[in-house]
Each structure stands twice: as C-alpha cells, then as structure tokens.
Amino acid sequence: MKRLGLITVLGVLGAAVLATWGIAATVGGSGTAGPAATPKPVKFPALPADVKSRNRWVIGVKCDFPPFGFIDVQGRNAGYDVEVARQFTQFAFGKANRLTLVCVTTPSRIPTLQSKRVDMIISTLTWTKARTEVIDFSVPYYSATGRLLVKKDSSVASTRDLKDKTVISTRGALYGPWTKLCLPGSKLLEVDTPSSALLAVKDGRADTFMFDDAFLLGAVTTDRDLKILKDKFLAIPWGIGIRKGDTVTKKWVDFALRRMQARDLFLPILRKNAPKSLVDDFAGNVPRPGKAFRYPEDRDAATDCTVS
C-alpha cells in the first residue's frame, strides 16, 4: 500500500477546495475566439427537505485522525474528510461555510448518525457487510489498507509473530473482530482513540497497533522510534455513512462524489492535506477521472484473513 504521512505543522486551511468550473469557449466556423461562455449549471438531485430548510449540512467527522479529520493549530476542523464535507456544502449552497461539523470517534460515529445528530458521517469509515445491515454507504471516496505499527526495537516482524502478543486498535473499528478471527493466539486491547493506542505501544502496554495505513504512516513520520511492518490486510475502500433507507441523501451524496471524481477534485484535496513528498505515492488512493473503487460485495472482506 502506498504511504501517507501525518502533518504535524499545520497552516491555515482554506474553507473550499481547489476547483475550476468552466473554460472560455471558441466559436466554430470562423475560427475566431468568441466571448467567454458561462458554464451550464449542473443539476444535482434534490436535497433532503430538512437540510434544505435549515440551509446547512450537519456532518460528523473525525477530530483525532490527521490528516483526514483533526483540529489544526488554530482550533479549526481540517483534513481530507473535512474538505470533502466543505465541497458538498459548496455544491449544495454555493458557500462552503453553510456547514456544521460534529466531532465523532470510531465507536461513536454510527450511533451519532443513527440518532439523527448528523446528516451523514465522513469519518474514515471502512465498508463492511455487517455495517450495511445498520447504515447505508455512499459510493467509495478513498481506498485504504490495514497495517501494523511497532517500536523499532520490537521483536514483532509480521502477523506470524503475534502469538501471545497484545494487539491494540480502536473500539468500533473492524480490526478488533479481524484480530479475534485471524490472530486467535494474540491478545486484543481496544481503546477509544488512535492517540491512546499509539501511547500504549510507546509505553509497552501493547506490542503493536493495528490500524489504517493512512494514520500509521503519519505517526512514523513524526516519531523515529516507531516503524510500520510490511504486512497488509483488509484492503477495503472507505465510504460516507448515511442513515439506513435515507435514499434522498444517498442519491445526492453519490452524485456529488461522482461529480468530484469527474472534475478530479479529490487529488487537490489530497495535495492540500499531505506532505509533498508523499502525494504521488498516495494519488492512487483517491478516485480520479476514469478510476473508481468497488466494495467487495461478493465476499465478506472483514473475515478474509489473507495477509500480503
């Protein structure tokens, strides 16, 4: 899996992503340039009635998962997922600030969605068959894989070394059930936040942190005492979480994501939130024109113990 680093020194992030909506047209026949043409507005599906009436999206995002969702040095929400939320708001209302962001954690995000505190969750949410029984997913908007993080002097070199070792992850993530199923000789420890898991590895309470590569690769760029192992597993795309049966929101969100893909807007968002040296490595993780991702609907990927 390609690598993405954690941004530790953060500048002020803009409220809107980089996007261009039209170019000057030329008049055929005479070969001379005509006046600049006004781009034809794209007709989106209808907004949900309550969203339209309040003139605002309310979206759950991570606040502890840089560079996808975090609080920057000025106390503002920032990150890849946050920029997707702002682009949605730009599409819906013509202004990126018609948006209320609600901090969610891995274990709280689905309950927050189900309780109607938010309209959707854009929160590093990996697709699983089990989750589709309680919520709906948008089309994929990012591709990630699971990896293991250890201290540099660790004796753990791969998943084969985890018998009697303590594996830590976050509650509500798919890594806990996967560890129980695929690493039966190991011990599972679950905490509420990725930062707590990192601390547990550093102070010796856990032998390894199992999590999304996007977060782990960020951690090792700022802490030279940590390293990521080569094993990869659970390569499953992320989707936006939508309440079960909310077809109006799903139709709008899917249209917006496909529009962003067609306009190649995900790559500028990635560039805005990733170190320059790693953007090329992770460009393949975002949808691009002509390149979309698929959920493994033909199999239960969460129970696939394959390690590459």
Protein backbone atom coordinates (compact mmCIF):
# COMPACT_ATOMS: atom_id res chain seq x y z
CA MET A 1 0.00 0.00 0.00
CA LYS A 2 1.23 3.44 -0.78
CA ARG A 3 2.14 5.77 2.03
CA LEU A 4 0.74 8.94 3.50
CA GLY A 5 2.31 10.99 6.32
CA LEU A 6 0.89 12.82 9.29
CA ILE A 7 1.02 16.61 9.07
CA THR A 8 2.41 17.97 12.32
CA VAL A 9 2.92 21.62 11.45
CA LEU A 10 -0.32 22.84 10.03
CA GLY A 11 -1.04 26.10 8.29
CA VAL A 12 -4.39 27.72 7.93
CA LEU A 13 -6.55 25.51 5.74
CA GLY A 14 -8.89 27.25 3.29
CA ALA A 15 -12.62 26.79 3.52
CA ALA A 16 -13.02 25.50 -0.02
CA VAL A 17 -11.18 23.01 -2.22
CA LEU A 18 -9.46 23.92 -5.45
CA ALA A 19 -11.88 23.52 -8.33
CA THR A 20 -12.47 25.08 -11.74
CA TRP A 21 -15.96 25.02 -13.21
CA GLY A 22 -15.58 26.31 -16.75
CA ILE A 23 -13.25 27.46 -19.52
CA ALA A 24 -13.62 30.01 -22.27
CA ALA A 25 -15.31 28.62 -25.39
CA THR A 26 -14.49 29.39 -29.03
CA VAL A 27 -17.00 29.88 -31.81
CA GLY A 28 -16.78 27.31 -34.61
CA GLY A 29 -16.86 28.23 -38.30
CA SER A 30 -14.85 31.47 -38.42
CA GLY A 31 -12.05 30.16 -36.23
CA THR A 32 -12.09 33.34 -34.11
CA ALA A 33 -12.48 33.35 -30.37
CA GLY A 34 -15.92 34.24 -29.13
CA PRO A 35 -16.98 35.66 -25.77
CA ALA A 36 -16.38 33.59 -22.66
CA ALA A 37 -19.17 31.09 -22.27
CA THR A 38 -21.00 30.70 -18.97
CA PRO A 39 -20.72 27.11 -17.78
CA LYS A 40 -24.06 25.36 -17.80
CA PRO A 41 -25.10 24.68 -14.18
CA VAL A 42 -25.10 21.03 -13.20
CA LYS A 43 -28.46 19.86 -11.91
CA PHE A 44 -27.99 17.96 -8.67
CA PRO A 45 -30.63 15.66 -7.17
CA ALA A 46 -32.93 17.23 -4.61
CA LEU A 47 -31.54 17.94 -1.16
CA PRO A 48 -33.21 16.29 1.83
CA ALA A 49 -36.09 18.51 2.95
CA ASP A 50 -34.68 19.21 6.43
CA VAL A 51 -31.24 20.08 5.03
CA LYS A 52 -32.80 22.45 2.51
CA SER A 53 -34.98 24.13 5.13
CA ARG A 54 -32.07 24.75 7.54
CA ASN A 55 -29.81 25.78 4.62
CA ARG A 56 -26.94 23.81 6.11
CA TRP A 57 -25.32 20.37 6.21
CA VAL A 58 -24.55 18.83 9.60
CA ILE A 59 -21.76 16.28 9.14
CA GLY A 60 -19.85 14.04 11.54
CA VAL A 61 -16.07 13.98 11.07
CA LYS A 62 -13.09 12.66 12.98
CA CYS A 63 -11.22 15.19 15.11
CA ASP A 64 -8.34 12.91 16.14
CA PHE A 65 -7.28 11.34 12.84
CA PRO A 66 -4.83 13.53 10.90
CA PRO A 67 -4.59 14.11 8.03
CA PHE A 68 -8.23 13.06 7.39
CA GLY A 69 -10.06 14.72 10.25
CA PHE A 70 -8.38 16.71 13.02
CA ILE A 71 -8.25 20.05 14.81
CA ASP A 72 -5.48 22.30 13.48
CA VAL A 73 -3.23 24.68 15.43
CA GLN A 74 -5.85 27.42 15.13
CA GLY A 75 -8.55 25.21 16.63
CA ARG A 76 -10.36 24.60 13.33
CA ASN A 77 -11.52 21.38 11.74
CA ALA A 78 -9.15 20.31 8.97
CA GLY A 79 -8.27 17.31 6.84
CA TYR A 80 -9.22 15.33 3.76
CA ASP A 81 -12.67 14.32 5.03
CA VAL A 82 -13.37 17.85 6.21
CA GLU A 83 -12.56 19.23 2.75
CA VAL A 84 -14.95 16.71 1.18
CA ALA A 85 -17.65 17.99 3.56
CA ARG A 86 -16.89 21.58 2.55
CA GLN A 87 -17.09 20.68 -1.12
CA PHE A 88 -20.52 19.14 -0.50
CA THR A 89 -21.58 22.39 1.12
CA GLN A 90 -20.26 24.38 -1.83
CA PHE A 91 -22.26 22.17 -4.19
CA ALA A 92 -25.44 22.44 -2.13
CA PHE A 93 -25.48 26.09 -1.11
CA GLY A 94 -22.82 27.88 -3.14
CA LYS A 95 -20.89 28.62 0.07
CA ALA A 96 -18.51 26.32 1.92
CA ASN A 97 -19.44 27.77 5.33
CA ARG A 98 -23.05 26.51 5.39
CA LEU A 99 -21.74 23.62 7.42
CA THR A 100 -21.78 22.37 10.99
CA LEU A 101 -19.10 19.79 11.79
CA VAL A 102 -19.62 17.39 14.70
CA CYS A 103 -16.65 15.51 16.16
CA VAL A 104 -17.14 11.73 16.22
CA THR A 105 -14.90 8.87 17.28
CA THR A 106 -14.68 5.41 15.78
CA PRO A 107 -17.11 3.89 18.32
CA SER A 108 -19.48 6.90 18.41
CA ARG A 109 -19.84 7.70 14.72
CA ILE A 110 -22.56 5.20 13.73
CA PRO A 111 -24.67 5.84 16.88
CA THR A 112 -24.33 9.58 16.23
CA LEU A 113 -25.65 9.05 12.69
CA GLN A 114 -28.49 6.78 13.80
CA SER A 115 -29.61 9.24 16.47
CA LYS A 116 -30.01 11.92 13.76
CA ARG A 117 -27.49 14.28 15.34
CA VAL A 118 -25.82 14.49 11.92
CA ASP A 119 -26.96 14.13 8.31
CA MET A 120 -24.05 11.83 7.40
CA ILE A 121 -20.64 10.75 8.63
CA ILE A 122 -17.48 11.38 6.62
CA SER A 123 -15.21 9.68 9.11
CA THR A 124 -12.68 7.19 7.66
CA LEU A 125 -15.49 4.62 7.58
CA THR A 126 -14.47 1.29 6.07
CA TRP A 127 -17.18 -0.63 4.21
CA THR A 128 -18.20 -3.97 5.71
CA LYS A 129 -21.17 -6.24 5.11
CA ALA A 130 -22.06 -6.08 8.79
CA ARG A 131 -22.22 -2.28 8.70
CA THR A 132 -24.50 -2.32 5.64
CA GLU A 133 -27.12 -4.00 7.82
CA VAL A 134 -27.41 -0.91 10.02
CA ILE A 135 -26.43 2.01 7.74
CA ASP A 136 -26.14 2.75 4.03
CA PHE A 137 -22.88 3.64 2.31
CA SER A 138 -22.14 6.11 -0.45
CA VAL A 139 -20.02 5.07 -3.40
CA PRO A 140 -16.34 4.82 -2.27
CA TYR A 141 -14.31 8.00 -1.92
CA TYR A 142 -10.97 6.65 -0.64
CA SER A 143 -9.06 3.34 -0.56
CA ALA A 144 -7.07 2.21 2.49
CA THR A 145 -5.49 -0.92 3.97
CA GLY A 146 -4.62 -2.22 7.43
CA ARG A 147 -1.03 -2.32 8.72
CA LEU A 148 0.86 -2.96 11.97
CA LEU A 149 2.88 -0.35 13.85
CA VAL A 150 5.55 -1.35 16.38
CA LYS A 151 8.51 0.17 18.19
CA LYS A 152 11.74 -0.04 16.20
CA ASP A 153 13.31 -2.43 18.68
CA SER A 154 10.29 -4.75 18.67
CA SER A 155 10.72 -8.48 18.10
CA VAL A 156 7.47 -8.48 16.11
CA ALA A 157 8.25 -8.57 12.38
CA SER A 158 4.91 -9.77 10.96
CA THR A 159 1.48 -11.11 11.90
CA ARG A 160 3.14 -14.52 12.32
CA ASP A 161 4.88 -13.20 15.45
CA LEU A 162 1.74 -12.14 17.31
CA LYS A 163 1.03 -15.28 19.30
CA ASP A 164 0.73 -14.25 22.98
CA LYS A 165 1.33 -10.63 21.94
CA THR A 166 -1.02 -7.71 22.66
CA VAL A 167 -2.60 -6.11 19.61
CA ILE A 168 -4.26 -2.74 20.18
CA SER A 169 -6.83 -0.96 18.00
CA THR A 170 -9.80 1.36 18.44
CA ARG A 171 -13.26 0.30 19.54
CA GLY A 172 -15.74 0.12 16.68
CA ALA A 173 -13.05 -0.43 14.04
CA LEU A 174 -13.06 -3.65 12.04
CA TYR A 175 -9.55 -4.55 13.26
CA GLY A 176 -10.77 -5.87 16.61
CA PRO A 177 -13.06 -8.55 15.14
CA TRP A 178 -10.42 -9.34 12.50
CA THR A 179 -7.78 -9.88 15.20
CA LYS A 180 -10.06 -12.25 17.11
CA LEU A 181 -10.83 -14.22 13.96
CA CYS A 182 -7.49 -14.22 12.17
CA LEU A 183 -4.99 -13.98 15.04
CA PRO A 184 -6.53 -16.29 17.66
CA GLY A 185 -3.28 -16.66 19.61
CA SER A 186 -2.97 -12.93 20.24
CA LYS A 187 -4.46 -10.70 22.93
CA LEU A 188 -6.74 -7.83 21.86
CA LEU A 189 -6.80 -4.46 23.63
CA GLU A 190 -9.24 -1.77 22.43
CA VAL A 191 -9.22 1.95 23.23
CA ASP A 192 -11.34 4.90 22.12
CA THR A 193 -8.79 6.94 20.15
CA PRO A 194 -5.79 6.33 17.88
CA SER A 195 -3.64 8.59 20.08
CA SER A 196 -4.35 6.35 23.08
CA ALA A 197 -3.30 3.32 21.02
CA LEU A 198 -0.03 4.99 19.99
CA LEU A 199 0.75 5.79 23.61
CA ALA A 200 0.06 2.18 24.61
CA VAL A 201 2.64 0.93 22.09
CA LYS A 202 5.20 3.50 23.19
CA ASP A 203 4.84 2.73 26.91
CA GLY A 204 4.81 -1.05 26.39
CA ARG A 205 1.19 -1.86 27.22
CA ALA A 206 0.72 -3.16 23.66
CA ASP A 207 3.12 -4.87 21.27
CA THR A 208 1.57 -3.49 18.09
CA PHE A 209 -1.07 -1.04 16.89
CA MET A 210 -3.28 -2.38 14.08
CA PHE A 211 -4.94 0.40 12.10
CA ASP A 212 -5.42 2.16 8.76
CA ASP A 213 -2.15 2.79 6.94
CA ALA A 214 -3.10 6.42 6.37
CA PHE A 215 -2.88 7.13 10.09
CA LEU A 216 0.05 4.84 10.91
CA LEU A 217 2.25 6.21 8.16
CA GLY A 218 1.60 9.65 9.54
CA ALA A 219 2.65 8.56 13.00
CA VAL A 220 6.03 7.19 11.91
CA THR A 221 6.95 10.41 10.10
CA THR A 222 6.91 12.26 13.41
CA ASP A 223 8.26 9.58 15.73
CA ARG A 224 11.52 7.88 14.74
CA ASP A 225 11.10 5.29 17.49
CA LEU A 226 8.21 3.70 15.59
CA LYS A 227 8.03 1.70 12.37
CA ILE A 228 5.40 0.06 10.17
CA LEU A 229 5.62 -3.60 9.21
CA LYS A 230 5.25 -4.75 5.62
CA ASP A 231 2.18 -6.95 6.14
CA LYS A 232 -1.02 -5.62 4.54
CA PHE A 233 -4.56 -6.79 5.14
CA LEU A 234 -8.17 -5.62 4.98
CA ALA A 235 -7.75 -3.57 1.80
CA ILE A 236 -11.27 -2.16 1.67
CA PRO A 237 -12.47 1.29 0.47
CA TRP A 238 -13.98 3.92 2.73
CA GLY A 239 -17.49 5.26 2.19
CA ILE A 240 -19.68 8.01 3.60
CA GLY A 241 -22.16 6.72 6.16
CA ILE A 242 -25.84 7.51 5.57
CA ARG A 243 -28.86 6.50 7.67
CA LYS A 244 -30.44 3.24 6.57
CA GLY A 245 -33.15 3.87 4.00
CA ASP A 246 -32.34 7.57 3.51
CA THR A 247 -32.43 7.32 -0.27
CA VAL A 248 -32.66 11.08 -0.82
CA THR A 249 -29.38 11.77 0.97
CA LYS A 250 -27.66 8.79 -0.64
CA LYS A 251 -28.71 9.86 -4.14
CA TRP A 252 -27.38 13.38 -3.53
CA VAL A 253 -24.11 12.22 -1.95
CA ASP A 254 -23.38 9.66 -4.66
CA PHE A 255 -23.99 12.28 -7.34
CA ALA A 256 -21.69 14.76 -5.56
CA LEU A 257 -18.89 12.19 -5.21
CA ARG A 258 -19.12 11.21 -8.87
CA ARG A 259 -19.07 14.88 -9.79
CA MET A 260 -15.92 15.36 -7.71
CA GLN A 261 -14.34 12.35 -9.39
CA ALA A 262 -15.21 13.61 -12.89
CA ARG A 263 -13.72 17.03 -12.06
CA ASP A 264 -10.66 15.42 -10.43
CA LEU A 265 -11.27 17.29 -7.18
CA PHE A 266 -10.03 14.58 -4.82
CA LEU A 267 -6.40 14.95 -5.87
CA PRO A 268 -6.22 18.68 -4.99
CA ILE A 269 -7.73 17.82 -1.59
CA LEU A 270 -5.05 15.17 -1.10
CA ARG A 271 -2.33 17.65 -2.09
CA LYS A 272 -3.69 20.17 0.39
CA ASN A 273 -3.52 17.73 3.28
CA ALA A 274 -0.46 15.60 2.57
CA PRO A 275 3.27 16.32 2.55
CA LYS A 276 4.50 16.97 -0.99
CA SER A 277 6.90 14.06 -0.85
CA LEU A 278 4.06 11.57 -0.35
CA VAL A 279 1.31 12.91 -2.61
CA ASP A 280 2.45 10.89 -5.63
CA ASP A 281 2.60 7.73 -3.51
CA PHE A 282 -0.98 8.14 -2.39
CA ALA A 283 -2.53 9.53 -5.58
CA GLY A 284 -3.73 6.01 -6.37
CA ASN A 285 -5.82 6.00 -3.18
CA VAL A 286 -8.27 8.64 -4.36
CA PRO A 287 -10.90 8.46 -7.14
CA ARG A 288 -9.75 10.03 -10.40
CA PRO A 289 -11.48 10.52 -13.76
CA GLY A 290 -11.98 7.04 -15.19
CA LYS A 291 -10.84 5.40 -11.96
CA ALA A 292 -13.34 4.40 -9.28
CA PHE A 293 -13.23 1.90 -6.44
CA ARG A 294 -15.54 -1.01 -5.65
CA TYR A 295 -16.70 -2.51 -2.39
CA PRO A 296 -16.05 -6.27 -2.05
CA GLU A 297 -19.78 -7.03 -2.03
CA ASP A 298 -19.23 -10.54 -3.41
CA ARG A 299 -17.38 -11.59 -0.26
CA ASP A 300 -17.09 -10.69 3.39
CA ALA A 301 -13.74 -8.95 3.28
CA ALA A 302 -13.82 -8.36 7.04
CA THR A 303 -13.45 -12.12 7.51
CA ASP A 304 -10.72 -12.50 4.89
CA CYS A 305 -7.57 -13.41 6.82
CA THR A 306 -5.29 -13.02 3.79
CA VAL A 307 -2.08 -11.11 4.56
CA SER A 308 0.06 -9.84 1.70
